[in-house]
Amino acid sequence: MLPEHLSNHLCSLMPRVERLAFVCDMRVSKTGKLSRGRFYEAVIRSHARLTYDQAWSYLENPNGAAGNELAPEVRTSLQNLYAVYGVLKAARDARGALDFRAVRSRRASATGARSRDSMQ
């Protein structure tokens, strides 16, 4: 884990603060095909600092309270990014890609023995 000063200040995308970035600019077709990729250095200025929960709350219910707190530019960006995610995920699923996400579980023992983490 990064020290707080790095994670919350120097490396954080704080609203209206310029940050140096390395950009990958790509075209994604409606079928998820990637083309015209290029990389370049840039200076970016974030419109908002969101947690994953805030972004997901908006995406789950764009007309709810979470949407009212976001600037129109932020709402548009989130909608566009989620649409691109959906296209890329559909293309990945169509290729039959493996999903390596694992679920953690704990085994209980009737004898009171200590349980171990296991991956399913």
Foldseek 3Di string as FASTA:
>chain_A
DDPCCVDVPVVAQAAQDKDKDKDWDWDQDLQGDIDDTDIDIDIDGDHHHDDPVLLVVCVVPVPDPSVVVDDPVVSVVSVVVVSSVVNNVNNCVVVVDDDPDWDWDWDDDPVRDHIDIDTD
